[in-house]
Amino acid sequence: MSNVPSVAAVDWGTTRLRVWLVDGAGNVLAERRGDDGLITARVAGFSTILEGHLTAMDAPETMPVIICGMAGSRQGWLEAPYVSVPAPIGAILAGAARIPGQRRDIRIVPGLAQHQADAPDVMRGEETQLAGAGLPAKGRHLVCMPGTHSKWVLVEDGAVAGFGTWPTGELFSVLAAHSILRHSLGEQPRPVAPGNPYFQRWCEIALAEGGDVTSRLFSIRAAGLLQDLKADDAAACLSGLLVGGEIASASRRYRKGAASIVLVASGGLGPLYTGALGLAGLAVRAVDADEAVRAGLIEAARENGMIAQT
């Protein structure tokens, strides 16, 4: 491993920022994380924040930078134009947009756009995780990327054929805080464990009913009134219902021809979705999302000539 960094790889989200210094062979030499994501950078300045991190890491002044995530959104540093699907993953990475007027070569990986009249959709950041998920070059693969806005992506022979978004995490937050269910879940629902029997049962209900979750939502409130359902268990019911509904819906749309699910997740979502996918009878290959985005950024650096191809 060389001790000389060749490129900085940056995952720049809405609230968080991660920076890795990478040598010419793609080895990670240093890492830095911060709470200065898009929201903070819009006020403090993207260049100021980036240079502050690079200076703290003793990065060379002219070292190039490859970025993915919300820094490339319309509200970000520079809007990196969407690439329309279907599109090869390598070609997506190679189309990184360069930020003008900088002493460094700074580029942002574009997001993806789906222009179907009945299923318009966009993603930004997940395309880089796809590139680092270790998908085989041939065959049909279905990738689940859970989060606030869960993405399900169909990849065929190394190209993104289509994708869909299920706002499962956002729905949980909105329902927990701004619906009748707030009386059942309490002010601060605790994270749900994958082995929670209420999560498993309500996930199975959603799966059995094909993802028809709206007819079941009020039952959580009723269970609190009639069956003394506790707040933590009510949160587990809601989580299981929404996650199960997502899996049922996405499976119906995309599963045909895919032998298994590639689950790209980190933190507590990994075990939660692994358990839920297992309840649906789906085989899972788990990939750590943090490792995937880092590997994808390194591949993007290669595609843009910042480090040598392997």
C-alpha atoms as a PDB file:
ATOM      1  CA  MET A   1       0.000   0.000   0.000  1.00  0.00           C
ATOM      2  CA  SER A   2       1.288   3.459  -0.933  1.00  0.00           C
ATOM      3  CA  ASN A   3       1.322   6.226   1.692  1.00  0.00           C
ATOM      4  CA  VAL A   4       0.692   8.920  -0.921  1.00  0.00           C
ATOM      5  CA  PRO A   5      -2.968   9.884  -1.516  1.00  0.00           C
ATOM      6  CA  SER A   6      -4.054  10.324  -5.122  1.00  0.00           C
ATOM      7  CA  VAL A   7      -7.715  11.282  -4.794  1.00  0.00           C
ATOM      8  CA  ALA A   8     -10.278  12.296  -2.192  1.00  0.00           C
ATOM      9  CA  ALA A   9     -13.570  10.370  -2.309  1.00  0.00           C
ATOM     10  CA  VAL A  10     -16.531  12.186  -0.757  1.00  0.00           C
ATOM     11  CA  ASP A  11     -20.023  10.961   0.119  1.00  0.00           C
ATOM     12  CA  TRP A  12     -21.939  14.212   0.672  1.00  0.00           C
ATOM     13  CA  GLY A  13     -25.453  13.704   2.007  1.00  0.00           C
ATOM     14  CA  THR A  14     -28.144  16.012   3.301  1.00  0.00           C
ATOM     15  CA  THR A  15     -26.879  16.086   6.880  1.00  0.00           C
ATOM     16  CA  ARG A  16     -23.618  14.108   6.868  1.00  0.00           C
ATOM     17  CA  LEU A  17     -20.293  14.140   5.037  1.00  0.00           C
ATOM     18  CA  ARG A  18     -17.664  11.418   4.696  1.00  0.00           C
ATOM     19  CA  VAL A  19     -14.243  11.864   3.126  1.00  0.00           C
ATOM     20  CA  TRP A  20     -11.672   9.204   2.283  1.00  0.00           C
ATOM     21  CA  LEU A  21      -8.143   9.717   0.988  1.00  0.00           C
ATOM     22  CA  VAL A  22      -7.275   7.003  -1.534  1.00  0.00           C
ATOM     23  CA  ASP A  23      -3.953   6.048  -3.104  1.00  0.00           C
ATOM     24  CA  GLY A  24      -3.333   5.230  -6.754  1.00  0.00           C
ATOM     25  CA  ALA A  25      -4.180   1.563  -6.244  1.00  0.00           C
ATOM     26  CA  GLY A  26      -7.530   2.338  -4.637  1.00  0.00           C
ATOM     27  CA  ASN A  27      -6.451   1.720  -1.038  1.00  0.00           C
ATOM     28  CA  VAL A  28      -8.002   3.908   1.671  1.00  0.00           C
ATOM     29  CA  LEU A  29      -5.347   5.823   3.631  1.00  0.00           C
ATOM     30  CA  ALA A  30      -7.479   8.074   5.837  1.00  0.00           C
ATOM     31  CA  GLU A  31     -11.109   8.809   6.718  1.00  0.00           C
ATOM     32  CA  ARG A  32     -12.945  11.791   8.141  1.00  0.00           C
ATOM     33  CA  ARG A  33     -16.632  12.304   8.971  1.00  0.00           C
ATOM     34  CA  GLY A  34     -18.685  15.341   9.869  1.00  0.00           C
ATOM     35  CA  ASP A  35     -22.172  16.747  10.402  1.00  0.00           C
ATOM     36  CA  ASP A  36     -21.697  19.365   7.668  1.00  0.00           C
ATOM     37  CA  GLY A  37     -23.875  17.936   4.937  1.00  0.00           C
ATOM     38  CA  LEU A  38     -25.881  19.785   2.319  1.00  0.00           C
ATOM     39  CA  ILE A  39     -27.933  21.782   4.821  1.00  0.00           C
ATOM     40  CA  THR A  40     -24.838  23.201   6.529  1.00  0.00           C
ATOM     41  CA  ALA A  41     -22.836  23.587   3.317  1.00  0.00           C
ATOM     42  CA  ARG A  42     -25.479  25.776   1.690  1.00  0.00           C
ATOM     43  CA  VAL A  43     -24.771  28.350   4.392  1.00  0.00           C
ATOM     44  CA  ALA A  44     -21.061  27.878   5.115  1.00  0.00           C
ATOM     45  CA  GLY A  45     -20.042  27.183   1.498  1.00  0.00           C
ATOM     46  CA  PHE A  46     -19.274  23.835  -0.134  1.00  0.00           C
ATOM     47  CA  SER A  47     -15.706  24.738  -1.061  1.00  0.00           C
ATOM     48  CA  THR A  48     -14.977  26.063   2.443  1.00  0.00           C
ATOM     49  CA  ILE A  49     -16.207  22.889   4.110  1.00  0.00           C
ATOM     50  CA  LEU A  50     -14.431  20.564   1.682  1.00  0.00           C
ATOM     51  CA  GLU A  51     -11.113  22.385   1.939  1.00  0.00           C
ATOM     52  CA  GLY A  52     -11.398  22.403   5.732  1.00  0.00           C
ATOM     53  CA  HIS A  53     -11.655  18.629   5.808  1.00  0.00           C
ATOM     54  CA  LEU A  54      -8.892  18.123   3.247  1.00  0.00           C
ATOM     55  CA  THR A  55      -6.557  20.473   5.108  1.00  0.00           C
ATOM     56  CA  ALA A  56      -7.204  18.600   8.359  1.00  0.00           C
ATOM     57  CA  MET A  57      -6.255  15.383   6.523  1.00  0.00           C
ATOM     58  CA  ASP A  58      -3.034  16.916   5.095  1.00  0.00           C
ATOM     59  CA  ALA A  59      -4.266  16.325   1.543  1.00  0.00           C
ATOM     60  CA  PRO A  60      -2.124  17.779  -1.297  1.00  0.00           C
ATOM     61  CA  GLU A  61      -3.427  21.127  -2.545  1.00  0.00           C
ATOM     62  CA  THR A  62      -4.017  19.947  -6.104  1.00  0.00           C
ATOM     63  CA  MET A  63      -5.348  16.480  -5.348  1.00  0.00           C
ATOM     64  CA  PRO A  64      -8.540  15.706  -7.334  1.00  0.00           C
ATOM     65  CA  VAL A  65     -11.870  15.014  -5.638  1.00  0.00           C
ATOM     66  CA  ILE A  66     -14.738  12.738  -6.631  1.00  0.00           C
ATOM     67  CA  ILE A  67     -18.114  13.334  -4.921  1.00  0.00           C
ATOM     68  CA  CYS A  68     -21.462  11.561  -4.836  1.00  0.00           C
ATOM     69  CA  GLY A  69     -24.729  12.374  -3.139  1.00  0.00           C
ATOM     70  CA  MET A  70     -26.787  15.465  -2.485  1.00  0.00           C
ATOM     71  CA  ALA A  71     -23.942  17.885  -3.207  1.00  0.00           C
ATOM     72  CA  GLY A  72     -24.881  17.195  -6.825  1.00  0.00           C
ATOM     73  CA  SER A  73     -28.578  18.023  -6.382  1.00  0.00           C
ATOM     74  CA  ARG A  74     -30.364  21.148  -7.561  1.00  0.00           C
ATOM     75  CA  GLN A  75     -29.926  22.570  -4.040  1.00  0.00           C
ATOM     76  CA  GLY A  76     -26.278  21.472  -3.873  1.00  0.00           C
ATOM     77  CA  TRP A  77     -22.897  22.727  -5.028  1.00  0.00           C
ATOM     78  CA  LEU A  78     -23.543  21.966  -8.684  1.00  0.00           C
ATOM     79  CA  GLU A  79     -26.462  20.117 -10.194  1.00  0.00           C
ATOM     80  CA  ALA A  80     -24.934  17.053 -11.813  1.00  0.00           C
ATOM     81  CA  PRO A  81     -27.371  16.202 -14.639  1.00  0.00           C
ATOM     82  CA  TYR A  82     -29.332  12.981 -14.296  1.00  0.00           C
ATOM     83  CA  VAL A  83     -28.478  10.046 -16.530  1.00  0.00           C
ATOM     84  CA  SER A  84     -31.554   8.408 -18.021  1.00  0.00           C
ATOM     85  CA  VAL A  85     -32.063   4.685 -17.524  1.00  0.00           C
ATOM     86  CA  PRO A  86     -31.418   2.176 -18.912  1.00  0.00           C
ATOM     87  CA  ALA A  87     -27.722   2.965 -18.517  1.00  0.00           C
ATOM     88  CA  PRO A  88     -24.517   0.963 -17.843  1.00  0.00           C
ATOM     89  CA  ILE A  89     -23.222   1.595 -14.327  1.00  0.00           C
ATOM     90  CA  GLY A  90     -19.695   2.343 -15.582  1.00  0.00           C
ATOM     91  CA  ALA A  91     -20.998   4.947 -18.022  1.00  0.00           C
ATOM     92  CA  ILE A  92     -22.964   6.621 -15.229  1.00  0.00           C
ATOM     93  CA  LEU A  93     -19.820   7.040 -13.145  1.00  0.00           C
ATOM     94  CA  ALA A  94     -17.771   8.258 -16.109  1.00  0.00           C
ATOM     95  CA  GLY A  95     -20.201  11.142 -16.637  1.00  0.00           C
ATOM     96  CA  ALA A  96     -19.238  12.977 -13.459  1.00  0.00           C
ATOM     97  CA  ALA A  97     -19.772  16.752 -13.747  1.00  0.00           C
ATOM     98  CA  ARG A  98     -16.774  19.011 -13.129  1.00  0.00           C
ATOM     99  CA  ILE A  99     -17.146  22.039 -10.851  1.00  0.00           C
ATOM    100  CA  PRO A 100     -15.741  25.132 -12.632  1.00  0.00           C
ATOM    101  CA  GLY A 101     -13.459  27.731 -11.092  1.00  0.00           C
ATOM    102  CA  GLN A 102     -11.701  25.421  -8.631  1.00  0.00           C
ATOM    103  CA  ARG A 103      -7.960  24.877  -8.288  1.00  0.00           C
ATOM    104  CA  ARG A 104      -8.675  21.172  -7.913  1.00  0.00           C
ATOM    105  CA  ASP A 105     -10.312  18.833 -10.356  1.00  0.00           C
ATOM    106  CA  ILE A 106     -13.584  18.314  -8.445  1.00  0.00           C
ATOM    107  CA  ARG A 107     -16.310  16.186 -10.002  1.00  0.00           C
ATOM    108  CA  ILE A 108     -19.734  15.004  -8.879  1.00  0.00           C
ATOM    109  CA  VAL A 109     -21.232  11.681  -9.944  1.00  0.00           C
ATOM    110  CA  PRO A 110     -24.625  12.165 -11.646  1.00  0.00           C
ATOM    111  CA  GLY A 111     -27.849  10.701 -10.354  1.00  0.00           C
ATOM    112  CA  LEU A 112     -30.299   8.562 -12.304  1.00  0.00           C
ATOM    113  CA  ALA A 113     -33.656   9.477 -13.831  1.00  0.00           C
ATOM    114  CA  GLN A 114     -36.472   7.207 -14.934  1.00  0.00           C
ATOM    115  CA  HIS A 115     -38.734   8.956 -17.435  1.00  0.00           C
ATOM    116  CA  GLN A 116     -41.542   6.415 -17.699  1.00  0.00           C
ATOM    117  CA  ALA A 117     -44.852   8.268 -17.935  1.00  0.00           C
ATOM    118  CA  ASP A 118     -46.469   6.066 -15.279  1.00  0.00           C
ATOM    119  CA  ALA A 119     -43.390   5.650 -13.057  1.00  0.00           C
ATOM    120  CA  PRO A 120     -41.179   8.771 -13.059  1.00  0.00           C
ATOM    121  CA  ASP A 121     -38.395   8.486 -10.498  1.00  0.00           C
ATOM    122  CA  VAL A 122     -34.963   9.804  -9.545  1.00  0.00           C
ATOM    123  CA  MET A 123     -32.074   8.753  -7.335  1.00  0.00           C
ATOM    124  CA  ARG A 124     -28.862  10.433  -6.260  1.00  0.00           C
ATOM    125  CA  GLY A 125     -26.107   8.688  -4.301  1.00  0.00           C
ATOM    126  CA  GLU A 126     -27.498   5.178  -4.576  1.00  0.00           C
ATOM    127  CA  GLU A 127     -26.001   4.794  -8.076  1.00  0.00           C
ATOM    128  CA  THR A 128     -22.552   4.945  -6.483  1.00  0.00           C
ATOM    129  CA  GLN A 129     -23.489   2.281  -3.942  1.00  0.00           C
ATOM    130  CA  LEU A 130     -24.635   0.103  -6.839  1.00  0.00           C
ATOM    131  CA  ALA A 131     -21.208   0.455  -8.456  1.00  0.00           C
ATOM    132  CA  GLY A 132     -19.558  -0.741  -5.245  1.00  0.00           C
ATOM    133  CA  ALA A 133     -21.973  -3.556  -4.410  1.00  0.00           C
ATOM    134  CA  GLY A 134     -20.003  -6.235  -6.253  1.00  0.00           C
ATOM    135  CA  LEU A 135     -22.763  -7.141  -8.689  1.00  0.00           C
ATOM    136  CA  PRO A 136     -21.795  -9.732 -11.314  1.00  0.00           C
ATOM    137  CA  ALA A 137     -21.303  -8.295 -14.793  1.00  0.00           C
ATOM    138  CA  LYS A 138     -23.843 -10.688 -16.287  1.00  0.00           C
ATOM    139  CA  GLY A 139     -27.361 -11.677 -15.337  1.00  0.00           C
ATOM    140  CA  ARG A 140     -30.409 -10.095 -13.777  1.00  0.00           C
ATOM    141  CA  HIS A 141     -30.046  -8.766 -10.234  1.00  0.00           C
ATOM    142  CA  LEU A 142     -32.511  -7.082  -7.884  1.00  0.00           C
ATOM    143  CA  VAL A 143     -31.036  -4.687  -5.337  1.00  0.00           C
ATOM    144  CA  CYS A 144     -32.838  -3.421  -2.236  1.00  0.00           C
ATOM    145  CA  MET A 145     -31.450  -0.231  -0.671  1.00  0.00           C
ATOM    146  CA  PRO A 146     -33.538   0.600   2.420  1.00  0.00           C
ATOM    147  CA  GLY A 147     -33.713   4.015   4.040  1.00  0.00           C
ATOM    148  CA  THR A 148     -35.869   7.095   4.356  1.00  0.00           C
ATOM    149  CA  HIS A 149     -36.646   6.614   0.666  1.00  0.00           C
ATOM    150  CA  SER A 150     -35.957   2.945  -0.055  1.00  0.00           C
ATOM    151  CA  LYS A 151     -34.771   2.155  -3.578  1.00  0.00           C
ATOM    152  CA  TRP A 152     -35.299  -1.111  -5.431  1.00  0.00           C
ATOM    153  CA  VAL A 153     -33.116  -1.359  -8.507  1.00  0.00           C
ATOM    154  CA  LEU A 154     -33.185  -3.846 -11.352  1.00  0.00           C
ATOM    155  CA  VAL A 155     -29.742  -4.396 -12.905  1.00  0.00           C
ATOM    156  CA  GLU A 156     -29.367  -6.421 -16.104  1.00  0.00           C
ATOM    157  CA  ASP A 157     -25.933  -7.293 -17.505  1.00  0.00           C
ATOM    158  CA  GLY A 158     -24.239  -4.408 -15.686  1.00  0.00           C
ATOM    159  CA  ALA A 159     -26.811  -1.762 -16.604  1.00  0.00           C
ATOM    160  CA  VAL A 160     -29.560  -0.183 -14.517  1.00  0.00           C
ATOM    161  CA  ALA A 161     -32.762  -1.248 -16.268  1.00  0.00           C
ATOM    162  CA  GLY A 162     -35.202   0.435 -13.908  1.00  0.00           C
ATOM    163  CA  PHE A 163     -35.879   1.347 -10.300  1.00  0.00           C
ATOM    164  CA  GLY A 164     -38.561   2.430  -7.851  1.00  0.00           C
ATOM    165  CA  THR A 165     -38.765   4.381  -4.613  1.00  0.00           C
ATOM    166  CA  TRP A 166     -40.731   3.378  -1.520  1.00  0.00           C
ATOM    167  CA  PRO A 167     -40.635   6.199   1.110  1.00  0.00           C
ATOM    168  CA  THR A 168     -40.914   3.705   3.957  1.00  0.00           C
ATOM    169  CA  GLY A 169     -38.760   5.560   6.487  1.00  0.00           C
ATOM    170  CA  GLU A 170     -40.463   8.864   5.791  1.00  0.00           C
ATOM    171  CA  LEU A 171     -43.920   7.303   6.064  1.00  0.00           C
ATOM    172  CA  PHE A 172     -43.011   5.845   9.453  1.00  0.00           C
ATOM    173  CA  SER A 173     -41.845   9.277  10.698  1.00  0.00           C
ATOM    174  CA  VAL A 174     -44.882  11.128   9.361  1.00  0.00           C
ATOM    175  CA  LEU A 175     -47.394   8.611  10.695  1.00  0.00           C
ATOM    176  CA  ALA A 176     -45.654   8.385  14.062  1.00  0.00           C
ATOM    177  CA  ALA A 177     -45.595  12.157  14.545  1.00  0.00           C
ATOM    178  CA  HIS A 178     -48.550  13.559  12.600  1.00  0.00           C
ATOM    179  CA  SER A 179     -51.324  10.975  12.536  1.00  0.00           C
ATOM    180  CA  ILE A 180     -53.689   9.373  15.027  1.00  0.00           C
ATOM    181  CA  LEU A 181     -50.969   6.775  15.615  1.00  0.00           C
ATOM    182  CA  ARG A 182     -48.914   9.325  17.547  1.00  0.00           C
ATOM    183  CA  HIS A 183     -51.145   8.523  20.531  1.00  0.00           C
ATOM    184  CA  SER A 184     -50.113   4.884  20.284  1.00  0.00           C
ATOM    185  CA  LEU A 185     -46.380   5.210  19.535  1.00  0.00           C
ATOM    186  CA  GLY A 186     -45.498   8.000  21.968  1.00  0.00           C
ATOM    187  CA  GLU A 187     -43.120  10.900  21.362  1.00  0.00           C
ATOM    188  CA  GLN A 188     -39.863   9.010  20.731  1.00  0.00           C
ATOM    189  CA  PRO A 189     -40.363   5.510  19.293  1.00  0.00           C
ATOM    190  CA  ARG A 190     -37.322   3.359  19.961  1.00  0.00           C
ATOM    191  CA  PRO A 191     -35.550   1.447  17.184  1.00  0.00           C
ATOM    192  CA  VAL A 192     -37.278  -1.816  16.344  1.00  0.00           C
ATOM    193  CA  ALA A 193     -35.365  -5.071  16.792  1.00  0.00           C
ATOM    194  CA  PRO A 194     -35.655  -7.564  13.908  1.00  0.00           C
ATOM    195  CA  GLY A 195     -36.583 -10.322  16.360  1.00  0.00           C
ATOM    196  CA  ASN A 196     -39.499  -8.371  17.807  1.00  0.00           C
ATOM    197  CA  PRO A 197     -42.549 -10.658  17.476  1.00  0.00           C
ATOM    198  CA  TYR A 198     -44.852  -7.712  16.742  1.00  0.00           C
ATOM    199  CA  PHE A 199     -42.616  -6.599  13.890  1.00  0.00           C
ATOM    200  CA  GLN A 200     -42.543 -10.121  12.477  1.00  0.00           C
ATOM    201  CA  ARG A 201     -46.301 -10.660  12.815  1.00  0.00           C
ATOM    202  CA  TRP A 202     -47.288  -7.374  11.179  1.00  0.00           C
ATOM    203  CA  CYS A 203     -44.696  -7.845   8.457  1.00  0.00           C
ATOM    204  CA  GLU A 204     -46.265 -11.218   7.711  1.00  0.00           C
ATOM    205  CA  ILE A 205     -49.704  -9.584   7.578  1.00  0.00           C
ATOM    206  CA  ALA A 206     -48.518  -7.035   5.010  1.00  0.00           C
ATOM    207  CA  LEU A 207     -46.812  -9.734   2.945  1.00  0.00           C
ATOM    208  CA  ALA A 208     -49.887 -11.974   3.002  1.00  0.00           C
ATOM    209  CA  GLU A 209     -52.115  -9.108   1.878  1.00  0.00           C
ATOM    210  CA  GLY A 210     -49.839  -8.090  -0.972  1.00  0.00           C
ATOM    211  CA  GLY A 211     -48.748  -4.800   0.562  1.00  0.00           C
ATOM    212  CA  ASP A 212     -52.226  -3.411   1.252  1.00  0.00           C
ATOM    213  CA  VAL A 213     -51.179  -1.580   4.412  1.00  0.00           C
ATOM    214  CA  THR A 214     -53.603   1.346   4.574  1.00  0.00           C
ATOM    215  CA  SER A 215     -56.499  -0.862   5.659  1.00  0.00           C
ATOM    216  CA  ARG A 216     -54.420  -2.070   8.603  1.00  0.00           C
ATOM    217  CA  LEU A 217     -53.006   1.195   9.932  1.00  0.00           C
ATOM    218  CA  PHE A 218     -55.892   2.106  12.201  1.00  0.00           C
ATOM    219  CA  SER A 219     -55.789  -1.384  13.692  1.00  0.00           C
ATOM    220  CA  ILE A 220     -52.612  -0.337  15.503  1.00  0.00           C
ATOM    221  CA  ARG A 221     -54.526   2.420  17.259  1.00  0.00           C
ATOM    222  CA  ALA A 222     -57.430   0.083  17.988  1.00  0.00           C
ATOM    223  CA  ALA A 223     -55.051  -2.507  19.470  1.00  0.00           C
ATOM    224  CA  GLY A 224     -53.816   0.105  21.916  1.00  0.00           C
ATOM    225  CA  LEU A 225     -57.352   0.887  23.023  1.00  0.00           C
ATOM    226  CA  LEU A 226     -58.721  -2.641  23.096  1.00  0.00           C
ATOM    227  CA  GLN A 227     -55.708  -4.880  23.719  1.00  0.00           C
ATOM    228  CA  ASP A 228     -53.389  -2.606  25.745  1.00  0.00           C
ATOM    229  CA  LEU A 229     -50.732  -2.577  23.010  1.00  0.00           C
ATOM    230  CA  LYS A 230     -47.676  -0.750  24.411  1.00  0.00           C
ATOM    231  CA  ALA A 231     -45.903   2.107  22.627  1.00  0.00           C
ATOM    232  CA  ASP A 232     -42.756   0.172  21.679  1.00  0.00           C
ATOM    233  CA  ASP A 233     -44.834  -2.728  20.387  1.00  0.00           C
ATOM    234  CA  ALA A 234     -47.039  -0.344  18.424  1.00  0.00           C
ATOM    235  CA  ALA A 235     -43.900   1.067  16.772  1.00  0.00           C
ATOM    236  CA  ALA A 236     -42.850  -2.472  15.901  1.00  0.00           C
ATOM    237  CA  CYS A 237     -46.288  -3.121  14.373  1.00  0.00           C
ATOM    238  CA  LEU A 238     -46.071   0.004  12.215  1.00  0.00           C
ATOM    239  CA  SER A 239     -42.514  -0.782  11.136  1.00  0.00           C
ATOM    240  CA  GLY A 240     -43.400  -4.359  10.250  1.00  0.00           C
ATOM    241  CA  LEU A 241     -46.473  -3.267   8.328  1.00  0.00           C
ATOM    242  CA  LEU A 242     -44.589  -0.667   6.255  1.00  0.00           C
ATOM    243  CA  VAL A 243     -41.496  -2.798   5.594  1.00  0.00           C
ATOM    244  CA  GLY A 244     -43.627  -5.809   4.697  1.00  0.00           C
ATOM    245  CA  GLY A 245     -45.748  -3.656   2.414  1.00  0.00           C
ATOM    246  CA  GLU A 246     -42.658  -2.330   0.671  1.00  0.00           C
ATOM    247  CA  ILE A 247     -41.241  -5.811   0.094  1.00  0.00           C
ATOM    248  CA  ALA A 248     -44.554  -7.169  -1.181  1.00  0.00           C
ATOM    249  CA  SER A 249     -45.018  -4.285  -3.584  1.00  0.00           C
ATOM    250  CA  ALA A 250     -41.431  -4.238  -4.873  1.00  0.00           C
ATOM    251  CA  SER A 251     -41.335  -8.006  -5.267  1.00  0.00           C
ATOM    252  CA  ARG A 252     -44.486  -7.933  -7.327  1.00  0.00           C
ATOM    253  CA  ARG A 253     -42.979  -5.304  -9.614  1.00  0.00           C
ATOM    254  CA  TYR A 254     -39.395  -6.517 -10.003  1.00  0.00           C
ATOM    255  CA  ARG A 255     -38.748  -9.999  -8.665  1.00  0.00           C
ATOM    256  CA  LYS A 256     -39.418 -11.987 -11.855  1.00  0.00           C
ATOM    257  CA  GLY A 257     -36.206 -13.591 -13.079  1.00  0.00           C
ATOM    258  CA  ALA A 258     -34.081 -12.501 -10.085  1.00  0.00           C
ATOM    259  CA  ALA A 259     -32.664 -15.440  -8.146  1.00  0.00           C
ATOM    260  CA  SER A 260     -32.045 -13.474  -4.955  1.00  0.00           C
ATOM    261  CA  ILE A 261     -31.996  -9.996  -3.423  1.00  0.00           C
ATOM    262  CA  VAL A 262     -28.828  -7.970  -2.942  1.00  0.00           C
ATOM    263  CA  LEU A 263     -29.439  -5.956   0.219  1.00  0.00           C
ATOM    264  CA  VAL A 264     -27.310  -2.808   0.462  1.00  0.00           C
ATOM    265  CA  ALA A 265     -27.793  -1.451   3.985  1.00  0.00           C
ATOM    266  CA  SER A 266     -26.000  -0.290   7.099  1.00  0.00           C
ATOM    267  CA  GLY A 267     -26.807   0.040  10.784  1.00  0.00           C
ATOM    268  CA  GLY A 268     -30.014  -1.417  12.153  1.00  0.00           C
ATOM    269  CA  LEU A 269     -31.748  -1.494   8.760  1.00  0.00           C
ATOM    270  CA  GLY A 270     -29.582  -4.391   7.609  1.00  0.00           C
ATOM    271  CA  PRO A 271     -30.799  -6.985  10.147  1.00  0.00           C
ATOM    272  CA  LEU A 272     -34.341  -5.579  10.025  1.00  0.00           C
ATOM    273  CA  TYR A 273     -34.657  -6.027   6.260  1.00  0.00           C
ATOM    274  CA  THR A 274     -32.764  -9.323   6.263  1.00  0.00           C
ATOM    275  CA  GLY A 275     -35.360 -10.685   8.663  1.00  0.00           C
ATOM    276  CA  ALA A 276     -38.281  -9.242   6.710  1.00  0.00           C
ATOM    277  CA  LEU A 277     -36.982 -10.542   3.380  1.00  0.00           C
ATOM    278  CA  GLY A 278     -36.550 -13.945   4.993  1.00  0.00           C
ATOM    279  CA  LEU A 279     -40.202 -13.875   6.075  1.00  0.00           C
ATOM    280  CA  ALA A 280     -41.033 -13.247   2.408  1.00  0.00           C
ATOM    281  CA  GLY A 281     -39.068 -16.366   1.459  1.00  0.00           C
ATOM    282  CA  LEU A 282     -36.356 -14.410  -0.355  1.00  0.00           C
ATOM    283  CA  ALA A 283     -32.663 -15.303  -0.338  1.00  0.00           C
ATOM    284  CA  VAL A 284     -30.435 -12.351   0.570  1.00  0.00           C
ATOM    285  CA  ARG A 285     -26.841 -11.351  -0.116  1.00  0.00           C
ATOM    286  CA  ALA A 286     -26.009  -8.550   2.299  1.00  0.00           C
ATOM    287  CA  VAL A 287     -23.636  -5.700   1.372  1.00  0.00           C
ATOM    288  CA  ASP A 288     -22.605  -2.990   3.824  1.00  0.00           C
ATOM    289  CA  ALA A 289     -23.791   0.359   2.435  1.00  0.00           C
ATOM    290  CA  ASP A 290     -20.813   2.301   3.811  1.00  0.00           C
ATOM    291  CA  GLU A 291     -18.356  -0.063   2.162  1.00  0.00           C
ATOM    292  CA  ALA A 292     -20.359  -0.018  -1.070  1.00  0.00           C
ATOM    293  CA  VAL A 293     -20.381   3.775  -1.436  1.00  0.00           C
ATOM    294  CA  ARG A 294     -16.652   3.943  -0.743  1.00  0.00           C
ATOM    295  CA  ALA A 295     -15.929   1.232  -3.309  1.00  0.00           C
ATOM    296  CA  GLY A 296     -18.227   2.963  -5.792  1.00  0.00           C
ATOM    297  CA  LEU A 297     -16.452   6.283  -5.361  1.00  0.00           C
ATOM    298  CA  ILE A 298     -13.103   4.599  -5.950  1.00  0.00           C
ATOM    299  CA  GLU A 299     -14.509   3.065  -9.135  1.00  0.00           C
ATOM    300  CA  ALA A 300     -15.790   6.513 -10.158  1.00  0.00           C
ATOM    301  CA  ALA A 301     -12.295   7.919  -9.638  1.00  0.00           C
ATOM    302  CA  ARG A 302     -10.995   5.242 -11.992  1.00  0.00           C
ATOM    303  CA  GLU A 303     -13.670   5.928 -14.591  1.00  0.00           C
ATOM    304  CA  ASN A 304     -12.777   9.635 -14.542  1.00  0.00           C
ATOM    305  CA  GLY A 305      -9.042   9.081 -14.846  1.00  0.00           C
ATOM    306  CA  MET A 306      -8.166  10.219 -11.328  1.00  0.00           C
ATOM    307  CA  ILE A 307      -6.478   6.916 -10.492  1.00  0.00           C
ATOM    308  CA  ALA A 308      -5.377   4.056 -12.714  1.00  0.00           C
ATOM    309  CA  GLN A 309      -7.763   1.370 -13.919  1.00  0.00           C
ATOM    310  CA  THR A 310      -7.186  -2.051 -12.352  1.00  0.00           C
END
